[in-house]
N, C-alpha and C. Protein backbone atom coordinates (compact mmCIF):
# COMPACT_ATOMS: atom_id res chain seq x y z
N MET A 1 -29.16 -24.98 2.66
CA MET A 1 -28.85 -26.30 2.80
C MET A 1 -29.17 -26.94 1.77
N ASP A 2 -28.35 -27.94 1.46
CA ASP A 2 -28.38 -28.86 0.34
C ASP A 2 -28.58 -30.26 0.74
N ASN A 3 -28.91 -31.02 -0.15
CA ASN A 3 -29.30 -32.52 0.06
C ASN A 3 -28.44 -33.13 0.80
N GLY A 4 -27.18 -32.97 0.57
CA GLY A 4 -26.28 -33.83 1.32
C GLY A 4 -26.18 -33.42 2.88
N SER A 5 -26.32 -32.19 3.13
CA SER A 5 -26.20 -31.70 4.52
C SER A 5 -27.48 -32.09 5.16
N ALA A 6 -28.60 -32.13 4.43
CA ALA A 6 -29.93 -32.57 5.10
C ALA A 6 -29.91 -34.08 5.42
N ILE A 7 -29.44 -34.82 4.41
CA ILE A 7 -29.33 -36.14 4.73
C ILE A 7 -28.22 -36.62 5.81
N ALA A 8 -27.21 -35.76 5.98
CA ALA A 8 -26.30 -35.98 7.00
C ALA A 8 -26.96 -35.64 8.33
N ALA A 9 -27.85 -34.63 8.45
CA ALA A 9 -28.52 -34.12 9.63
C ALA A 9 -29.62 -35.17 10.04
N LEU A 10 -30.29 -35.63 9.11
CA LEU A 10 -31.38 -36.45 9.40
C LEU A 10 -30.84 -37.99 9.70
N GLY A 11 -29.68 -38.35 9.11
CA GLY A 11 -29.07 -39.67 9.25
C GLY A 11 -28.58 -39.67 10.78
N ALA A 12 -27.93 -38.50 11.12
CA ALA A 12 -27.47 -38.47 12.61
C ALA A 12 -28.70 -38.62 13.61
N LEU A 13 -29.78 -38.00 13.33
CA LEU A 13 -30.99 -37.95 14.05
C LEU A 13 -31.61 -39.24 14.05
N ALA A 14 -31.55 -40.17 13.16
CA ALA A 14 -32.06 -41.50 12.83
C ALA A 14 -31.68 -42.89 13.88
N GLN A 15 -31.07 -42.28 14.71
CA GLN A 15 -30.63 -43.33 15.77
C GLN A 15 -31.22 -42.85 17.12
N GLY A 16 -31.63 -43.81 17.99
CA GLY A 16 -32.40 -43.45 19.23
C GLY A 16 -31.72 -42.59 20.14
N THR A 17 -30.40 -42.97 20.59
CA THR A 17 -29.58 -42.08 21.53
C THR A 17 -29.29 -40.85 20.91
N ARG A 18 -28.77 -40.67 19.74
CA ARG A 18 -28.60 -39.41 19.29
C ARG A 18 -29.79 -38.45 19.07
N LEU A 19 -30.97 -38.92 18.82
CA LEU A 19 -32.15 -38.23 19.05
C LEU A 19 -32.53 -37.70 20.34
N ASP A 20 -32.27 -38.73 21.29
CA ASP A 20 -32.48 -38.30 22.78
C ASP A 20 -31.44 -37.21 23.06
N VAL A 21 -30.26 -37.12 22.70
CA VAL A 21 -29.27 -36.24 23.08
C VAL A 21 -29.63 -34.96 22.50
N PHE A 22 -30.09 -34.93 21.06
CA PHE A 22 -30.50 -33.73 20.51
C PHE A 22 -31.70 -33.07 21.15
N ARG A 23 -32.55 -34.04 21.54
CA ARG A 23 -33.81 -33.34 22.38
C ARG A 23 -33.41 -32.80 23.61
N LEU A 24 -32.69 -33.51 24.33
CA LEU A 24 -31.96 -33.08 25.72
C LEU A 24 -31.54 -31.69 25.50
N LEU A 25 -30.57 -31.59 24.38
CA LEU A 25 -29.69 -30.23 24.37
C LEU A 25 -30.89 -29.15 23.95
N VAL A 26 -31.68 -29.40 23.30
CA VAL A 26 -32.87 -28.39 22.79
C VAL A 26 -33.41 -27.79 24.11
N ARG A 27 -33.85 -28.81 24.97
CA ARG A 27 -34.34 -28.41 26.29
C ARG A 27 -33.41 -27.70 27.22
N HIS A 28 -32.00 -27.89 27.09
CA HIS A 28 -31.40 -27.10 27.97
C HIS A 28 -30.54 -25.96 27.30
N GLU A 29 -31.26 -25.32 26.41
CA GLU A 29 -30.89 -24.35 25.56
C GLU A 29 -31.17 -22.90 26.48
N PRO A 30 -30.33 -21.94 26.61
CA PRO A 30 -29.05 -21.73 25.79
C PRO A 30 -27.82 -22.16 26.55
N ASP A 31 -28.07 -22.76 27.81
CA ASP A 31 -26.74 -22.91 28.59
C ASP A 31 -26.07 -24.21 28.14
N GLY A 32 -26.63 -25.14 27.76
CA GLY A 32 -25.94 -26.24 26.91
C GLY A 32 -25.80 -27.27 28.27
N MET A 33 -24.96 -28.36 27.97
CA MET A 33 -24.54 -29.37 29.01
C MET A 33 -23.28 -29.95 28.62
N ALA A 34 -22.66 -30.26 29.75
CA ALA A 34 -21.41 -31.03 29.64
C ALA A 34 -21.55 -32.38 29.23
N ALA A 35 -20.62 -32.83 28.33
CA ALA A 35 -20.73 -34.22 27.93
C ALA A 35 -20.91 -35.41 28.89
N GLY A 36 -20.32 -35.20 30.09
CA GLY A 36 -20.43 -36.20 31.18
C GLY A 36 -21.89 -36.15 31.80
N GLU A 37 -22.58 -34.96 31.78
CA GLU A 37 -23.81 -34.87 32.31
C GLU A 37 -24.84 -35.37 31.40
N ILE A 38 -24.51 -35.28 30.00
CA ILE A 38 -25.33 -36.04 29.04
C ILE A 38 -25.36 -37.19 29.19
N ALA A 39 -24.32 -37.95 29.33
CA ALA A 39 -24.17 -39.40 29.36
C ALA A 39 -24.79 -39.90 30.75
N ARG A 40 -24.63 -39.18 31.73
CA ARG A 40 -25.19 -39.61 32.97
C ARG A 40 -26.71 -39.49 32.83
N GLN A 41 -27.45 -38.44 32.29
CA GLN A 41 -28.76 -38.45 32.38
C GLN A 41 -29.33 -39.51 31.37
N LEU A 42 -28.64 -39.70 30.28
CA LEU A 42 -29.09 -40.57 29.33
C LEU A 42 -28.72 -42.10 29.64
N GLU A 43 -27.98 -42.43 30.58
CA GLU A 43 -27.16 -43.54 31.16
C GLU A 43 -26.68 -44.21 30.07
N VAL A 44 -25.54 -43.53 29.48
CA VAL A 44 -24.88 -44.03 28.18
C VAL A 44 -23.35 -43.86 28.59
N PRO A 45 -22.63 -44.85 28.35
CA PRO A 45 -21.11 -44.62 28.60
C PRO A 45 -20.50 -43.46 28.06
N GLN A 46 -19.57 -42.86 28.60
CA GLN A 46 -19.02 -41.65 28.26
C GLN A 46 -18.31 -41.79 26.87
N ASN A 47 -17.56 -42.83 26.58
CA ASN A 47 -16.90 -43.13 25.32
C ASN A 47 -17.80 -43.47 24.22
N THR A 48 -19.12 -43.95 24.43
CA THR A 48 -20.25 -44.19 23.48
C THR A 48 -20.81 -42.72 23.21
N MET A 49 -20.93 -41.92 24.21
CA MET A 49 -21.68 -40.73 24.16
C MET A 49 -20.67 -39.80 23.26
N SER A 50 -19.34 -39.76 23.43
CA SER A 50 -18.45 -38.97 22.63
C SER A 50 -18.66 -39.25 21.24
N ALA A 51 -18.78 -40.60 20.84
CA ALA A 51 -18.99 -40.97 19.52
C ALA A 51 -20.28 -40.52 18.98
N HIS A 52 -21.31 -40.42 19.73
CA HIS A 52 -22.66 -39.78 19.32
C HIS A 52 -22.46 -38.27 19.03
N LEU A 53 -21.84 -37.76 19.97
CA LEU A 53 -21.86 -36.20 19.97
C LEU A 53 -20.82 -35.69 18.83
N GLY A 54 -19.89 -36.60 18.48
CA GLY A 54 -19.29 -36.18 17.44
C GLY A 54 -19.97 -36.34 15.94
N ILE A 55 -20.78 -37.38 15.91
CA ILE A 55 -21.59 -37.54 14.74
C ILE A 55 -22.76 -36.50 14.66
N LEU A 56 -23.18 -36.00 15.66
CA LEU A 56 -24.21 -34.83 15.64
C LEU A 56 -23.39 -33.58 15.29
N ALA A 57 -22.34 -33.23 15.82
CA ALA A 57 -21.45 -32.24 15.58
C ALA A 57 -21.03 -32.11 14.13
N ARG A 58 -20.63 -33.18 13.49
CA ARG A 58 -20.28 -33.20 12.06
C ARG A 58 -21.48 -32.98 11.10
N ALA A 59 -22.61 -33.47 11.68
CA ALA A 59 -23.82 -33.26 10.82
C ALA A 59 -24.44 -31.90 11.00
N GLY A 60 -23.69 -30.97 11.86
CA GLY A 60 -24.26 -29.55 12.03
C GLY A 60 -25.46 -29.13 12.84
N ILE A 61 -25.78 -30.13 13.61
CA ILE A 61 -26.78 -29.87 14.37
C ILE A 61 -26.31 -29.68 15.99
N VAL A 62 -25.11 -29.98 16.32
CA VAL A 62 -24.96 -29.81 17.72
C VAL A 62 -23.41 -29.14 17.55
N ARG A 63 -23.08 -28.20 18.45
CA ARG A 63 -21.81 -27.47 18.65
C ARG A 63 -21.32 -27.65 19.93
N SER A 64 -20.07 -27.44 20.07
CA SER A 64 -19.37 -27.73 21.46
C SER A 64 -18.53 -26.40 21.63
N GLU A 65 -18.01 -26.14 22.74
CA GLU A 65 -17.18 -25.22 23.38
C GLU A 65 -16.53 -25.60 24.62
N ARG A 66 -15.37 -25.40 24.71
CA ARG A 66 -14.44 -25.81 25.66
C ARG A 66 -14.73 -24.72 26.76
N HIS A 67 -14.86 -25.10 28.10
CA HIS A 67 -15.11 -24.39 29.47
C HIS A 67 -13.99 -25.06 30.36
N SER A 68 -12.93 -24.67 30.34
CA SER A 68 -11.81 -24.99 31.25
C SER A 68 -11.76 -26.54 30.98
N ARG A 69 -12.01 -27.44 31.79
CA ARG A 69 -11.85 -28.91 31.58
C ARG A 69 -12.91 -29.35 31.08
N SER A 70 -13.97 -28.82 30.95
CA SER A 70 -15.17 -29.56 30.31
C SER A 70 -15.71 -28.90 28.87
N ILE A 71 -16.28 -29.85 28.17
CA ILE A 71 -16.79 -29.66 26.69
C ILE A 71 -18.32 -29.34 26.92
N ILE A 72 -18.82 -28.12 26.62
CA ILE A 72 -20.17 -27.87 26.67
C ILE A 72 -20.79 -28.06 25.33
N TYR A 73 -21.84 -28.91 25.17
CA TYR A 73 -22.54 -29.15 24.03
C TYR A 73 -23.87 -28.23 23.95
N ARG A 74 -24.36 -28.00 22.79
CA ARG A 74 -25.34 -27.09 22.71
C ARG A 74 -26.15 -27.63 21.28
N ALA A 75 -27.40 -27.57 21.45
CA ALA A 75 -28.12 -27.69 20.14
C ALA A 75 -27.81 -26.54 19.37
N ASP A 76 -27.48 -26.79 17.81
CA ASP A 76 -27.13 -25.75 17.00
C ASP A 76 -28.50 -25.30 16.37
N LEU A 77 -29.19 -24.29 16.94
CA LEU A 77 -30.49 -24.12 16.58
C LEU A 77 -30.57 -23.48 15.08
N ASP A 78 -29.53 -22.85 14.85
CA ASP A 78 -29.33 -22.37 13.29
C ASP A 78 -29.50 -23.67 12.39
N GLY A 79 -28.55 -24.79 12.75
CA GLY A 79 -28.65 -26.00 11.85
C GLY A 79 -29.96 -26.47 11.98
N LEU A 80 -30.64 -26.51 13.21
CA LEU A 80 -32.10 -26.88 13.13
C LEU A 80 -33.06 -26.12 12.28
N ARG A 81 -32.93 -24.91 12.50
CA ARG A 81 -33.60 -23.89 11.46
C ARG A 81 -33.53 -24.06 10.08
N ALA A 82 -32.22 -24.37 9.79
CA ALA A 82 -31.84 -24.58 8.28
C ALA A 82 -32.50 -26.02 7.89
N LEU A 83 -32.30 -26.96 8.47
CA LEU A 83 -33.00 -28.29 8.26
C LEU A 83 -34.39 -28.24 8.10
N THR A 84 -35.10 -27.50 9.06
CA THR A 84 -36.42 -27.38 8.85
C THR A 84 -36.96 -26.60 7.96
N LEU A 85 -36.39 -25.49 7.59
CA LEU A 85 -36.66 -24.72 6.29
C LEU A 85 -36.27 -25.46 4.77
N PHE A 86 -35.25 -26.28 4.86
CA PHE A 86 -35.28 -27.05 3.82
C PHE A 86 -36.27 -28.03 3.59
N LEU A 87 -36.71 -28.81 4.81
CA LEU A 87 -37.73 -29.67 4.73
C LEU A 87 -39.03 -29.24 4.05
N VAL A 88 -39.41 -27.99 4.55
CA VAL A 88 -40.69 -27.35 4.20
C VAL A 88 -40.74 -26.19 3.27
N LYS A 89 -39.48 -26.03 2.71
CA LYS A 89 -39.43 -24.79 1.76
C LYS A 89 -40.29 -24.80 0.58
N ASP A 90 -40.74 -26.17 0.05
CA ASP A 90 -41.58 -26.15 -1.02
C ASP A 90 -43.10 -26.50 -0.45
N CYS A 91 -43.32 -26.41 0.94
CA CYS A 91 -44.46 -26.82 1.39
C CYS A 91 -45.67 -26.41 0.73
N CYS A 92 -46.61 -27.37 0.33
CA CYS A 92 -48.01 -27.17 -0.26
C CYS A 92 -47.77 -26.53 -1.48
N ALA A 93 -46.68 -26.43 -2.18
CA ALA A 93 -46.46 -25.85 -3.46
C ALA A 93 -46.69 -24.46 -3.43
N GLY A 94 -46.20 -23.64 -2.39
CA GLY A 94 -46.55 -22.23 -2.23
C GLY A 94 -47.91 -21.80 -1.67
N ASN A 95 -48.65 -22.74 -1.47
CA ASN A 95 -50.08 -22.38 -0.92
C ASN A 95 -50.04 -22.25 0.52
N ALA A 96 -49.72 -21.04 0.70
CA ALA A 96 -49.54 -20.73 2.48
C ALA A 96 -50.64 -21.31 3.40
N GLU A 97 -51.93 -21.12 3.10
CA GLU A 97 -52.89 -21.47 3.77
C GLU A 97 -52.84 -23.03 4.25
N LEU A 98 -52.28 -23.85 3.38
CA LEU A 98 -52.22 -25.21 3.60
C LEU A 98 -51.03 -25.62 4.82
N CYS A 99 -50.01 -24.65 4.78
CA CYS A 99 -49.14 -24.59 5.62
C CYS A 99 -49.32 -24.09 7.19
N ALA A 100 -50.38 -23.29 6.92
CA ALA A 100 -50.78 -22.67 8.28
C ALA A 100 -50.75 -23.38 9.70
N PRO A 101 -51.51 -24.71 9.53
CA PRO A 101 -51.58 -25.67 10.64
C PRO A 101 -49.91 -25.91 11.23
N LEU A 102 -49.02 -26.20 10.29
CA LEU A 102 -47.71 -26.42 10.69
C LEU A 102 -47.11 -25.23 11.48
N VAL A 103 -47.25 -24.06 10.90
CA VAL A 103 -46.78 -22.95 11.50
C VAL A 103 -47.62 -22.67 12.75
N ALA A 104 -48.67 -22.78 12.89
CA ALA A 104 -49.40 -22.50 13.94
C ALA A 104 -48.96 -23.61 15.24
N GLU A 105 -48.65 -24.70 14.71
CA GLU A 105 -48.17 -25.65 15.71
C GLU A 105 -46.86 -25.54 16.37
N LEU A 106 -45.92 -25.09 15.45
CA LEU A 106 -44.56 -24.52 15.84
C LEU A 106 -44.40 -23.33 16.74
N SER A 107 -45.43 -22.57 16.63
CA SER A 107 -45.29 -21.17 17.24
C SER A 107 -45.57 -21.10 18.67
N PRO A 108 -46.41 -21.79 19.29
CA PRO A 108 -46.27 -21.85 20.92
C PRO A 108 -45.34 -22.37 21.46
N CYS A 109 -44.24 -23.29 20.95
CA CYS A 109 -43.18 -23.80 21.58
C CYS A 109 -41.96 -22.87 21.47
N CYS A 110 -42.12 -21.92 20.73
CA CYS A 110 -41.05 -20.92 20.77
C CYS A 110 -41.41 -19.58 21.27
């Protein structure tokens, strides 16, 4: 990941509704959710939700797939992994024991 991609992903997540969408989709992995259901759960108009989902998709952290008449959205966990690794790549100047608490905090959730 380069600086531009990281800035796009972080910028997409730097808005409350989009952050809520992304977190909701992470909770619904691997099945994903239809756009209408996302809008209903977050109480956001569908046209507004479409705009938010488009921004997240262009930033590379959400992906979509058509299933008959519905579009199913999923968190792009590879994009999340790339962003996370980009942010911590130089963690603690290579001093692994200083990063151990961060790794320990992430391990139980996965």
